[in-house]
Amino acid sequence: MKWSFRIGRIAGIPLYIHATFLILVAWVAIMEYASHANPAATADSIALIALVFVIVVLHELGHALAARRYGIETQDITLLPIGGLARLRRIPEDPRQELVVAFAGPLVNVVLAASLFLGICIAAGPREVLRGALTGGDLMAQLVWVNVLLAVFNLIPAFPMDGGRVFRALLAFHMDRVRATEIAVSVGHLCAFVFGAIGLLLLFNPFLVFIAFFVWIGADAELQHVRMHATLSGVKVGDVMTRRFESVEASSHLS
């Protein structure tokens, strides 16, 4: 992906960070410092963002390792301002496999949330987790709710998000893949419209508008890919290659 910089490997998969992610970190730092003029609070906010994107990497790694189970390799994982992107070499066409791969990411968040919740309960009691939701509270308590939010948000049936892929896989048990994709994309468009309307008219939140744009464009791209794959499925090279050739003299003119 353009404007991405490689920062390492995880489970043998190249890990990249997009330049716009660094812009996001800088913007948060500037806004936080402008609001409080407190270097410690600014550092805490940056630390929280860094930990959130570690969680995002683990989420995407869940998808990648689940896909590897079915012999599907992951080209790379890229950190973006809106989250992470694991680029699989191909999307599994078996709906059972797609269900497992799609659920694997949110499942990582559920496991992380449960583990953090258990640790906080042992150390400080369950009230600390609730305090983290209401007032910010302890960093670990905030991370519990970050994982819960990521799991719930990703399971919204807005194709091509995880929930949209789960929805498409469930439909594919009862109809062909192209029709299942068409329905999932329509639902994704509806969700994108709702996100955009809320972001523009109610919350005035450009981030929601950006997510709406991403969902709409991503859904259209997936539908085109599935339709093209279905059209070319079973077509052999010999069916489209030219078999008749005409020779010309070397002295012949082009015009």
Protein backbone atom coordinates (compact mmCIF):
# COMPACT_ATOMS: atom_id res chain seq x y z
CA MET A 1 0.00 0.00 0.00
CA LYS A 2 1.32 3.46 -0.93
CA TRP A 3 2.68 5.71 1.84
CA SER A 4 3.20 2.70 4.11
CA PHE A 5 6.42 1.93 5.96
CA ARG A 6 7.51 -1.48 7.11
CA ILE A 7 8.12 -1.67 10.86
CA GLY A 8 8.71 -5.41 11.32
CA ARG A 9 7.14 -8.85 11.06
CA ILE A 10 4.67 -10.70 13.25
CA ALA A 11 4.15 -14.48 12.87
CA GLY A 12 6.14 -14.21 9.65
CA ILE A 13 3.77 -11.56 8.23
CA PRO A 14 5.17 -8.14 7.20
CA LEU A 15 3.78 -5.34 9.37
CA TYR A 16 3.38 -1.85 7.91
CA ILE A 17 2.29 1.49 9.30
CA HIS A 18 0.59 4.03 7.05
CA ALA A 19 1.82 7.63 7.07
CA THR A 20 -1.67 8.86 7.93
CA PHE A 21 -1.49 6.91 11.21
CA LEU A 22 1.48 9.02 12.26
CA ILE A 23 -0.53 12.11 11.33
CA LEU A 24 -3.32 10.87 13.62
CA VAL A 25 -0.90 10.45 16.53
CA ALA A 26 0.50 13.94 15.97
CA TRP A 27 -3.00 15.43 15.77
CA VAL A 28 -4.10 13.74 19.03
CA ALA A 29 -0.93 14.93 20.79
CA ILE A 30 -1.45 18.53 19.62
CA MET A 31 -5.15 18.58 20.54
CA GLU A 32 -4.51 16.99 23.94
CA TYR A 33 -1.74 19.41 24.80
CA ALA A 34 -3.81 22.38 23.58
CA SER A 35 -6.68 21.29 25.84
CA HIS A 36 -4.75 20.62 29.04
CA ALA A 37 -1.21 21.96 28.51
CA ASN A 38 -0.14 18.90 30.47
CA PRO A 39 2.76 16.85 29.01
CA ALA A 40 1.91 13.88 31.26
CA ALA A 41 -1.72 13.77 30.06
CA THR A 42 -0.54 14.07 26.45
CA ALA A 43 1.88 11.17 26.95
CA ASP A 44 -0.94 9.08 28.46
CA SER A 45 -3.15 9.74 25.43
CA ILE A 46 -0.39 8.73 23.02
CA ALA A 47 0.28 5.60 25.09
CA LEU A 48 -3.41 4.70 24.91
CA ILE A 49 -3.41 5.09 21.10
CA ALA A 50 -0.29 2.93 20.84
CA LEU A 51 -1.88 0.19 22.97
CA VAL A 52 -5.12 0.38 20.97
CA PHE A 53 -3.23 -0.24 17.77
CA VAL A 54 -1.33 -3.14 19.35
CA ILE A 55 -4.77 -4.59 20.00
CA VAL A 56 -5.72 -3.87 16.38
CA VAL A 57 -2.63 -5.77 15.20
CA LEU A 58 -3.63 -8.75 17.37
CA HIS A 59 -7.17 -8.53 15.92
CA GLU A 60 -5.81 -8.69 12.37
CA LEU A 61 -3.38 -11.45 13.35
CA GLY A 62 -6.41 -13.47 14.47
CA HIS A 63 -7.79 -13.25 10.93
CA ALA A 64 -4.40 -14.10 9.44
CA LEU A 65 -3.78 -17.18 11.60
CA ALA A 66 -7.31 -18.46 11.03
CA ALA A 67 -6.81 -18.07 7.27
CA ARG A 68 -3.44 -19.84 7.48
CA ARG A 69 -5.27 -22.83 8.94
CA TYR A 70 -6.96 -23.21 5.56
CA GLY A 71 -3.77 -22.72 3.56
CA ILE A 72 -4.40 -19.02 2.87
CA GLU A 73 -1.39 -16.79 3.43
CA THR A 74 -1.54 -13.13 4.42
CA GLN A 75 0.35 -10.69 2.24
CA ASP A 76 0.78 -8.08 4.98
CA ILE A 77 -0.88 -6.23 7.85
CA THR A 78 -1.11 -2.43 7.66
CA LEU A 79 -2.00 0.00 10.47
CA LEU A 80 -4.36 2.75 9.31
CA PRO A 81 -6.09 5.59 11.19
CA ILE A 82 -9.38 3.66 10.96
CA GLY A 83 -7.85 0.42 12.24
CA GLY A 84 -5.92 -2.41 10.66
CA LEU A 85 -5.99 -4.24 7.34
CA ALA A 86 -4.83 -7.83 6.86
CA ARG A 87 -4.52 -8.47 3.13
CA LEU A 88 -5.22 -12.14 2.53
CA ARG A 89 -4.02 -13.74 -0.69
CA ARG A 90 -7.61 -14.78 -1.27
CA ILE A 91 -10.93 -14.81 0.60
CA PRO A 92 -12.14 -18.37 1.40
CA GLU A 93 -15.15 -19.29 -0.73
CA ASP A 94 -16.34 -22.03 1.61
CA PRO A 95 -18.85 -20.25 3.92
CA ARG A 96 -17.70 -22.32 6.91
CA GLN A 97 -14.12 -21.19 6.39
CA GLU A 98 -15.17 -17.58 5.86
CA LEU A 99 -17.15 -17.68 9.11
CA VAL A 100 -14.11 -18.89 11.06
CA VAL A 101 -11.77 -16.31 9.48
CA ALA A 102 -14.25 -13.44 9.96
CA PHE A 103 -15.02 -14.35 13.59
CA ALA A 104 -11.36 -14.83 14.52
CA GLY A 105 -10.60 -11.09 14.79
CA PRO A 106 -13.49 -10.13 17.11
CA LEU A 107 -12.83 -13.31 19.11
CA VAL A 108 -9.34 -12.00 19.89
CA ASN A 109 -10.93 -8.83 21.31
CA VAL A 110 -13.37 -10.88 23.41
CA VAL A 111 -10.50 -12.95 24.86
CA LEU A 112 -8.43 -9.82 25.58
CA ALA A 113 -11.40 -8.06 27.23
CA ALA A 114 -12.17 -11.10 29.38
CA SER A 115 -8.51 -11.50 30.41
CA LEU A 116 -8.12 -7.83 31.32
CA PHE A 117 -11.45 -7.85 33.17
CA LEU A 118 -10.41 -10.89 35.20
CA GLY A 119 -7.06 -9.31 36.05
CA ILE A 120 -8.67 -6.04 37.17
CA CYS A 121 -11.26 -7.90 39.25
CA ILE A 122 -8.51 -9.78 41.06
CA ALA A 123 -6.42 -6.64 41.61
CA ALA A 124 -9.02 -3.95 42.31
CA GLY A 125 -12.53 -5.36 41.98
CA PRO A 126 -15.11 -5.12 39.18
CA ARG A 127 -16.09 -1.53 40.06
CA GLU A 128 -12.80 -0.33 38.57
CA VAL A 129 -13.90 -1.61 35.14
CA LEU A 130 -17.18 0.32 35.37
CA ARG A 131 -15.29 3.42 36.49
CA GLY A 132 -13.10 3.09 33.42
CA ALA A 133 -16.20 3.28 31.22
CA LEU A 134 -17.69 6.30 32.97
CA THR A 135 -14.71 8.47 33.82
CA GLY A 136 -11.71 7.14 31.91
CA GLY A 137 -10.22 5.56 35.01
CA ASP A 138 -7.29 3.17 34.92
CA LEU A 139 -5.58 2.47 31.58
CA MET A 140 -6.26 -1.26 31.82
CA ALA A 141 -9.96 -0.58 32.50
CA GLN A 142 -10.08 1.62 29.41
CA LEU A 143 -8.54 -1.19 27.37
CA VAL A 144 -11.31 -3.56 28.49
CA TRP A 145 -13.89 -1.23 26.96
CA VAL A 146 -11.73 -0.65 23.87
CA ASN A 147 -11.78 -4.39 23.20
CA VAL A 148 -15.52 -4.61 23.81
CA LEU A 149 -16.12 -1.69 21.45
CA LEU A 150 -13.89 -3.17 18.75
CA ALA A 151 -15.62 -6.56 18.96
CA VAL A 152 -19.12 -5.05 18.80
CA PHE A 153 -18.28 -2.51 16.09
CA ASN A 154 -16.57 -5.05 13.84
CA LEU A 155 -19.59 -7.35 14.02
CA ILE A 156 -21.97 -4.72 12.62
CA PRO A 157 -23.23 -6.34 9.37
CA ALA A 158 -21.67 -3.61 7.21
CA PHE A 159 -19.82 -5.36 4.42
CA PRO A 160 -16.79 -5.51 4.02
CA MET A 161 -16.31 -5.37 7.81
CA ASP A 162 -16.11 -8.61 9.79
CA GLY A 163 -19.84 -8.59 10.55
CA GLY A 164 -20.62 -8.14 6.86
CA ARG A 165 -18.46 -11.13 5.97
CA VAL A 166 -20.17 -13.20 8.67
CA PHE A 167 -23.53 -12.15 7.22
CA ARG A 168 -22.39 -13.05 3.68
CA ALA A 169 -21.13 -16.45 4.84
CA LEU A 170 -24.45 -17.22 6.58
CA LEU A 171 -26.36 -16.26 3.42
CA ALA A 172 -24.02 -18.38 1.30
CA PHE A 173 -25.25 -21.52 3.09
CA HIS A 174 -28.63 -20.97 1.38
CA MET A 175 -27.79 -19.28 -1.95
CA ASP A 176 -24.94 -18.78 -4.41
CA ARG A 177 -22.01 -16.61 -3.38
CA VAL A 178 -22.74 -13.80 -5.84
CA ARG A 179 -26.32 -13.31 -4.61
CA ALA A 180 -25.17 -13.54 -0.98
CA THR A 181 -22.57 -10.85 -1.68
CA GLU A 182 -25.14 -8.61 -3.38
CA ILE A 183 -27.41 -8.74 -0.32
CA ALA A 184 -24.52 -8.21 2.11
CA VAL A 185 -23.29 -5.25 0.06
CA SER A 186 -26.78 -3.70 0.06
CA VAL A 187 -26.88 -3.94 3.85
CA GLY A 188 -23.37 -2.47 3.95
CA HIS A 189 -24.52 0.47 1.83
CA LEU A 190 -27.41 1.05 4.22
CA CYS A 191 -25.06 1.01 7.22
CA ALA A 192 -22.69 3.38 5.41
CA PHE A 193 -25.56 5.77 4.74
CA VAL A 194 -26.55 5.69 8.42
CA PHE A 195 -22.94 6.25 9.54
CA GLY A 196 -22.57 9.17 7.16
CA ALA A 197 -25.89 10.75 8.15
CA ILE A 198 -25.08 10.50 11.86
CA GLY A 199 -21.58 11.85 11.30
CA LEU A 200 -22.77 14.80 9.20
CA LEU A 201 -26.12 15.72 10.72
CA LEU A 202 -26.05 14.65 14.37
CA LEU A 203 -22.53 14.37 15.74
CA PHE A 204 -20.63 16.44 13.16
CA ASN A 205 -17.95 13.74 13.31
CA PRO A 206 -15.69 13.51 10.23
CA PHE A 207 -14.36 10.15 11.44
CA LEU A 208 -17.80 8.55 11.06
CA VAL A 209 -18.12 10.06 7.60
CA PHE A 210 -14.74 8.59 6.69
CA ILE A 211 -15.84 5.16 7.94
CA ALA A 212 -19.03 5.46 5.87
CA PHE A 213 -16.96 6.23 2.77
CA PHE A 214 -14.64 3.28 3.47
CA VAL A 215 -17.56 0.86 3.94
CA TRP A 216 -19.33 2.03 0.76
CA ILE A 217 -16.23 1.86 -1.46
CA GLY A 218 -15.00 -1.40 0.06
CA ALA A 219 -18.39 -3.07 -0.43
CA ASP A 220 -18.53 -2.04 -4.09
CA ALA A 221 -14.99 -3.30 -4.71
CA GLU A 222 -15.78 -6.70 -3.17
CA LEU A 223 -18.97 -7.05 -5.23
CA GLN A 224 -17.10 -6.32 -8.46
CA HIS A 225 -14.41 -8.85 -7.54
CA VAL A 226 -16.95 -11.59 -6.74
CA ARG A 227 -18.91 -10.96 -9.94
CA MET A 228 -15.76 -11.04 -12.07
CA HIS A 229 -14.58 -14.23 -10.37
CA ALA A 230 -17.96 -15.88 -11.00
CA THR A 231 -17.90 -14.80 -14.66
CA LEU A 232 -14.39 -16.12 -15.27
CA SER A 233 -14.82 -19.28 -13.20
CA GLY A 234 -14.37 -22.30 -15.44
CA VAL A 235 -13.12 -20.26 -18.38
CA LYS A 236 -9.91 -21.69 -19.80
CA VAL A 237 -7.11 -19.76 -21.44
CA GLY A 238 -7.81 -21.66 -24.64
CA ASP A 239 -11.37 -20.31 -24.69
CA VAL A 240 -10.19 -16.74 -25.11
CA MET A 241 -6.83 -17.05 -26.87
CA THR A 242 -6.40 -16.32 -30.56
CA ARG A 243 -5.92 -19.49 -32.59
CA ARG A 244 -5.75 -18.06 -36.09
CA PHE A 245 -2.65 -16.13 -37.07
CA GLU A 246 -1.90 -14.41 -40.33
CA SER A 247 1.67 -13.85 -41.44
CA VAL A 248 2.84 -10.76 -43.28
CA GLU A 249 5.88 -10.00 -45.33
CA ALA A 250 8.71 -8.12 -43.67
CA SER A 251 8.50 -5.50 -46.41
CA SER A 252 4.77 -4.82 -45.77
CA HIS A 253 3.79 -1.30 -44.66
CA LEU A 254 1.87 -0.71 -41.43
CA SER A 255 -0.48 1.80 -43.07
